[in-house]
Amino acid sequence: MIIKPCNTIVAIFAGALIVALVDTHAIAASQKPSPSPTTLKAAVDNNDRTPQNKLRDKYRHPLQTLTFFGLKPNMTVVEVWPGQGWYTEILAPYLKVHGKLYDAFRTGQGAQQFKQMLAVRPAMYASVTITEHGPPETTRLAPAGVADMVLTFRNVHNWMAEDFAPKMFTAMYIALKPGGILGVVEHRGDPNKPQDPKAASGYVREDTVIKMAEAAGFKLVARSEINANPKDTKDYPAGVWTLPPTLKLKDKDRDKYLAIGESDRMTLKFMKPLNAGKGSAAKATPEAE
């Protein structure tokens, strides 16, 4: 005896199969990175960026900042001490197809955590190579002369705190091609107050940064007020970390500091001269060690 399947059962099974297939495709699609952005604005607006990071765009102005530095999608870029990857979320997709990104970390836990972050989304971070160095003994950021651009955001005060800021500027100089660009953003100190050599407050005078860069062989090309904040009085109990996003004093005067916003920042664009062999940093070894 031949038993014919009930049409109702067949219909239910077919419907369930279709739903399952749709759900599978939906899950797969949700795990795929967005297409590589073709413009810098698209990279900044990229939906793969962390929502919390996007909220800080009004303070960090990534589109205007990277445009000012002259970033192009076919560049080899070195970002020095990228922290938790705020700018990497923009740079990596933008450079993925035609460019290259080196994230230069201090050897230690931060580098290992960053590698784990990249491993979760290998397609998005295909253009990224992590390098590690151990200042002050070694400061090699990338192969010598490989970079069209070196970027560092709010790190100079950290280097000053440990007395190796000049070595880091030399290392950035060595990583760049002649004619390459160094972009620096840093908490801007009061020009009417002496510079603390350790930059314990987190603030660094603009002329101090320029002097260190020029001592390494760089030439100042331009400066911008893109990241300026005139509300920042630079005289807080816990230094720059009193302000957001850190808010080190927690609930004490929280509304006051939120109203000020993030710190006043210098935005400086330097160039490694085309005749770079004559610069002071030419005396350093090729590995900047």
Protein backbone atom coordinates (compact mmCIF):
# COMPACT_ATOMS: atom_id res chain seq x y z
CA MET A 1 0.00 0.00 0.00
CA ILE A 2 1.35 3.42 -0.96
CA ILE A 3 0.77 6.18 1.57
CA LYS A 4 0.57 9.64 0.08
CA PRO A 5 1.84 12.46 2.25
CA CYS A 6 -0.76 14.87 3.49
CA ASN A 7 -0.63 18.12 1.52
CA THR A 8 -0.98 20.07 4.77
CA ILE A 9 2.07 18.39 6.27
CA VAL A 10 4.10 19.01 3.10
CA ALA A 11 3.08 22.65 3.13
CA ILE A 12 4.05 23.08 6.78
CA PHE A 13 7.40 21.40 6.20
CA ALA A 14 8.14 23.52 3.13
CA GLY A 15 7.20 26.69 4.96
CA ALA A 16 9.39 25.82 7.89
CA LEU A 17 12.29 25.10 5.54
CA ILE A 18 11.88 28.48 3.83
CA VAL A 19 11.78 30.29 7.19
CA ALA A 20 14.90 28.41 8.30
CA LEU A 21 16.72 29.36 5.13
CA VAL A 22 15.70 33.00 5.48
CA ASP A 23 16.83 33.06 9.10
CA THR A 24 20.16 31.48 8.16
CA HIS A 25 20.77 34.04 5.44
CA ALA A 26 19.77 36.85 7.79
CA ILE A 27 22.23 35.69 10.43
CA ALA A 28 25.00 35.31 7.84
CA ALA A 29 24.29 38.76 6.45
CA SER A 30 24.41 40.30 9.92
CA GLN A 31 27.89 38.85 10.44
CA LYS A 32 29.30 40.21 7.19
CA PRO A 33 31.13 43.55 7.33
CA SER A 34 29.70 46.45 5.41
CA PRO A 35 31.19 47.01 1.94
CA SER A 36 34.49 48.87 2.01
CA PRO A 37 33.75 52.63 2.08
CA THR A 38 34.82 54.49 -1.01
CA THR A 39 34.93 57.91 0.65
CA LEU A 40 36.27 59.15 3.95
CA LYS A 41 32.80 60.32 4.94
CA ALA A 42 31.45 56.83 4.31
CA ALA A 43 34.21 55.42 6.53
CA VAL A 44 33.24 57.80 9.33
CA ASP A 45 29.54 56.98 8.87
CA ASN A 46 30.34 53.25 8.70
CA ASN A 47 27.70 51.16 10.50
CA ASP A 48 30.39 48.77 11.71
CA ARG A 49 31.70 51.43 14.09
CA THR A 50 30.90 51.04 17.77
CA PRO A 51 27.88 53.23 18.66
CA GLN A 52 29.65 54.59 21.75
CA ASN A 53 32.57 55.67 19.56
CA LYS A 54 30.30 57.49 17.14
CA LEU A 55 28.90 59.55 20.02
CA ARG A 56 32.32 61.16 20.41
CA ASP A 57 32.51 62.39 16.82
CA LYS A 58 31.22 65.79 17.94
CA TYR A 59 34.37 66.18 20.06
CA ARG A 60 36.94 64.36 17.92
CA HIS A 61 35.80 65.49 14.46
CA PRO A 62 37.30 62.52 12.58
CA LEU A 63 36.17 63.54 9.09
CA GLN A 64 37.55 67.07 9.37
CA THR A 65 40.72 65.90 11.16
CA LEU A 66 41.67 63.19 8.67
CA THR A 67 40.77 65.48 5.75
CA PHE A 68 43.07 68.16 7.20
CA PHE A 69 45.92 65.66 7.44
CA GLY A 70 45.32 64.66 3.80
CA LEU A 71 44.45 60.98 4.24
CA LYS A 72 43.92 59.05 0.97
CA PRO A 73 42.61 55.48 0.53
CA ASN A 74 45.81 54.23 -1.15
CA MET A 75 48.16 55.32 1.64
CA THR A 76 50.24 53.23 4.00
CA VAL A 77 49.43 54.64 7.43
CA VAL A 78 50.93 54.04 10.86
CA GLU A 79 48.80 54.86 13.88
CA VAL A 80 50.91 55.07 17.02
CA TRP A 81 49.40 53.78 20.26
CA PRO A 82 45.82 53.43 18.96
CA GLY A 83 44.34 52.68 22.38
CA GLN A 84 41.14 50.67 22.03
CA GLY A 85 40.87 51.36 18.32
CA TRP A 86 38.67 54.45 18.12
CA TYR A 87 40.33 55.62 14.91
CA THR A 88 41.08 52.07 13.72
CA GLU A 89 37.36 51.54 13.15
CA ILE A 90 37.56 54.33 10.56
CA LEU A 91 41.02 53.81 9.13
CA ALA A 92 40.92 50.04 8.63
CA PRO A 93 37.84 49.88 6.36
CA TYR A 94 38.94 52.98 4.46
CA LEU A 95 42.41 51.56 3.75
CA LYS A 96 41.38 47.92 3.32
CA VAL A 97 41.25 47.73 -0.49
CA HIS A 98 44.03 50.02 -1.70
CA GLY A 99 46.01 50.96 1.40
CA LYS A 100 47.68 49.52 4.48
CA LEU A 101 47.41 50.24 8.20
CA TYR A 102 50.02 49.56 10.86
CA ASP A 103 48.83 49.83 14.47
CA ALA A 104 51.96 50.38 16.54
CA PHE A 105 51.59 49.28 20.16
CA ARG A 106 53.75 49.24 23.19
CA THR A 107 54.51 45.61 23.96
CA GLY A 108 52.13 44.27 26.60
CA GLN A 109 48.54 43.49 27.41
CA GLY A 110 47.09 46.26 25.28
CA ALA A 111 48.61 44.80 22.13
CA GLN A 112 47.31 41.33 22.95
CA GLN A 113 43.79 42.61 23.61
CA PHE A 114 43.86 44.52 20.35
CA LYS A 115 44.87 41.40 18.43
CA GLN A 116 41.89 39.60 19.94
CA MET A 117 39.58 42.43 18.87
CA LEU A 118 40.84 42.26 15.29
CA ALA A 119 40.49 38.47 15.21
CA VAL A 120 36.75 38.73 15.87
CA ARG A 121 36.23 40.61 12.58
CA PRO A 122 39.07 39.59 10.26
CA ALA A 123 37.36 40.83 7.10
CA MET A 124 36.91 44.35 8.48
CA TYR A 125 40.52 44.54 9.68
CA ALA A 126 42.19 42.91 6.68
CA SER A 127 44.45 45.93 6.11
CA VAL A 128 45.84 45.98 9.67
CA THR A 129 49.25 44.80 10.82
CA ILE A 130 50.08 45.14 14.51
CA THR A 131 53.65 46.01 15.45
CA GLU A 132 55.03 46.07 18.97
CA HIS A 133 57.87 48.02 20.51
CA GLY A 134 59.31 48.45 23.99
CA PRO A 135 60.27 52.06 24.62
CA PRO A 136 62.60 53.54 25.57
CA GLU A 137 64.87 50.66 24.52
CA THR A 138 63.15 50.02 21.17
CA THR A 139 60.76 52.27 19.31
CA ARG A 140 60.49 50.67 15.86
CA LEU A 141 56.93 51.38 14.69
CA ALA A 142 57.01 49.88 11.18
CA PRO A 143 59.58 49.17 8.47
CA ALA A 144 61.72 52.24 7.91
CA GLY A 145 60.42 54.56 5.20
CA VAL A 146 57.23 52.56 4.57
CA ALA A 147 54.60 55.10 5.62
CA ASP A 148 52.91 57.85 3.68
CA MET A 149 51.35 59.07 6.93
CA VAL A 150 51.87 58.60 10.66
CA LEU A 151 49.07 59.53 13.06
CA THR A 152 49.00 59.85 16.82
CA PHE A 153 46.08 61.03 18.92
CA ARG A 154 46.56 62.28 22.49
CA ASN A 155 49.72 60.33 23.25
CA VAL A 156 52.50 62.92 23.57
CA HIS A 157 51.73 63.49 27.27
CA ASN A 158 52.11 59.74 27.89
CA TRP A 159 55.53 59.71 26.27
CA MET A 160 56.59 62.78 28.24
CA ALA A 161 55.52 61.13 31.49
CA GLU A 162 58.08 58.38 30.86
CA ASP A 163 60.81 60.54 29.34
CA PHE A 164 60.89 59.03 25.84
CA ALA A 165 58.87 61.56 23.81
CA PRO A 166 61.88 62.65 21.70
CA LYS A 167 62.59 59.01 20.81
CA MET A 168 59.01 58.52 19.67
CA PHE A 169 59.19 61.54 17.38
CA THR A 170 62.40 60.15 15.91
CA ALA A 171 60.70 56.77 15.43
CA MET A 172 57.78 58.40 13.61
CA TYR A 173 60.24 60.29 11.41
CA ILE A 174 62.05 57.07 10.48
CA ALA A 175 58.81 55.22 9.67
CA LEU A 176 57.83 57.87 7.10
CA LYS A 177 58.86 58.21 3.49
CA PRO A 178 60.46 61.54 2.51
CA GLY A 179 57.54 63.90 1.96
CA GLY A 180 55.36 61.83 4.32
CA ILE A 181 52.97 63.46 6.78
CA LEU A 182 52.83 63.30 10.57
CA GLY A 183 49.46 64.20 12.11
CA VAL A 184 49.37 64.99 15.83
CA VAL A 185 46.37 65.69 18.04
CA GLU A 186 47.09 66.45 21.70
CA HIS A 187 45.50 68.06 24.76
CA ARG A 188 46.64 71.69 24.49
CA GLY A 189 48.23 73.27 27.52
CA ASP A 190 48.10 76.89 28.62
CA PRO A 191 50.81 78.81 26.73
CA ASN A 192 51.12 81.23 29.66
CA LYS A 193 52.18 78.52 32.11
CA PRO A 194 55.52 76.68 32.21
CA GLN A 195 55.44 73.22 30.66
CA ASP A 196 55.63 70.39 33.18
CA PRO A 197 58.30 68.06 31.71
CA LYS A 198 56.20 65.09 32.83
CA ALA A 199 52.91 66.56 31.58
CA ALA A 200 51.24 65.22 34.72
CA SER A 201 47.98 67.09 34.01
CA GLY A 202 47.76 65.54 30.54
CA TYR A 203 48.16 68.95 28.88
CA VAL A 204 51.08 69.84 26.63
CA ARG A 205 51.90 73.28 25.28
CA GLU A 206 51.66 73.53 21.51
CA ASP A 207 55.11 75.05 21.19
CA THR A 208 56.52 72.11 23.16
CA VAL A 209 55.15 69.59 20.66
CA ILE A 210 56.40 71.64 17.71
CA LYS A 211 59.86 71.90 19.24
CA MET A 212 60.10 68.12 19.73
CA ALA A 213 58.88 67.41 16.20
CA GLU A 214 61.31 69.88 14.66
CA ALA A 215 64.17 68.46 16.72
CA ALA A 216 63.44 65.08 15.11
CA GLY A 217 63.66 66.64 11.64
CA PHE A 218 60.01 67.46 10.87
CA LYS A 219 58.76 70.69 9.35
CA LEU A 220 55.48 72.19 10.52
CA VAL A 221 53.13 72.42 7.53
CA ALA A 222 49.89 73.66 9.09
CA ARG A 223 47.87 73.84 12.27
CA SER A 224 44.12 73.73 12.69
CA GLU A 225 41.51 74.64 15.29
CA ILE A 226 39.25 71.71 14.28
CA ASN A 227 39.56 70.17 17.75
CA ALA A 228 39.68 73.37 19.78
CA ASN A 229 37.43 73.86 22.81
CA PRO A 230 37.49 77.39 24.28
CA LYS A 231 35.43 76.21 27.27
CA ASP A 232 38.36 74.16 28.54
CA THR A 233 40.07 76.09 31.37
CA LYS A 234 42.79 73.42 31.82
CA ASP A 235 42.93 73.79 35.60
CA TYR A 236 41.06 70.80 37.01
CA PRO A 237 41.68 68.74 40.17
CA ALA A 238 42.39 65.54 38.23
CA GLY A 239 43.93 67.15 35.17
CA VAL A 240 42.47 66.58 31.75
CA TRP A 241 40.89 63.33 32.98
CA THR A 242 38.43 65.44 34.98
CA LEU A 243 36.63 66.08 31.68
CA PRO A 244 34.71 63.56 29.60
CA PRO A 245 35.06 60.88 28.50
CA THR A 246 36.99 59.84 31.66
CA LEU A 247 35.13 62.00 34.24
CA LYS A 248 37.59 60.90 36.90
CA LEU A 249 35.72 62.71 39.68
CA LYS A 250 32.66 60.62 38.81
CA ASP A 251 29.50 62.37 40.08
CA LYS A 252 31.25 65.37 41.62
CA ASP A 253 30.40 68.41 39.45
CA ARG A 254 29.55 65.97 36.69
CA ASP A 255 27.11 68.28 34.91
CA LYS A 256 29.66 71.09 34.99
CA TYR A 257 32.30 68.99 33.25
CA LEU A 258 29.85 67.50 30.78
CA ALA A 259 28.88 71.05 29.82
CA ILE A 260 32.54 71.85 29.09
CA GLY A 261 32.95 68.76 26.93
CA GLU A 262 36.19 67.08 25.96
CA SER A 263 39.52 68.87 26.10
CA ASP A 264 40.87 71.69 23.98
CA ARG A 265 43.22 70.05 21.47
CA MET A 266 45.92 71.14 19.08
CA THR A 267 45.85 69.61 15.60
CA LEU A 268 49.25 69.81 13.92
CA LYS A 269 50.41 68.66 10.50
CA PHE A 270 54.11 68.04 9.95
CA MET A 271 56.09 66.78 6.96
CA LYS A 272 59.27 64.75 6.66
CA PRO A 273 61.31 66.83 4.21
CA LEU A 274 62.01 65.46 0.74
CA ASN A 275 65.72 65.85 1.50
CA ALA A 276 65.20 63.85 4.70
CA GLY A 277 68.74 62.48 4.76
CA LYS A 278 69.90 65.87 6.05
CA GLY A 279 67.46 65.95 9.00
CA SER A 280 68.64 65.46 12.58
CA ALA A 281 66.83 62.13 12.79
CA ALA A 282 69.02 60.79 10.00
CA LYS A 283 71.59 60.04 12.68
CA ALA A 284 69.26 57.47 14.23
CA THR A 285 69.57 53.81 13.28
CA PRO A 286 67.18 52.44 10.63
CA GLU A 287 65.28 50.49 13.27
CA ALA A 288 64.96 53.46 15.67
CA GLU A 289 66.38 51.40 18.50
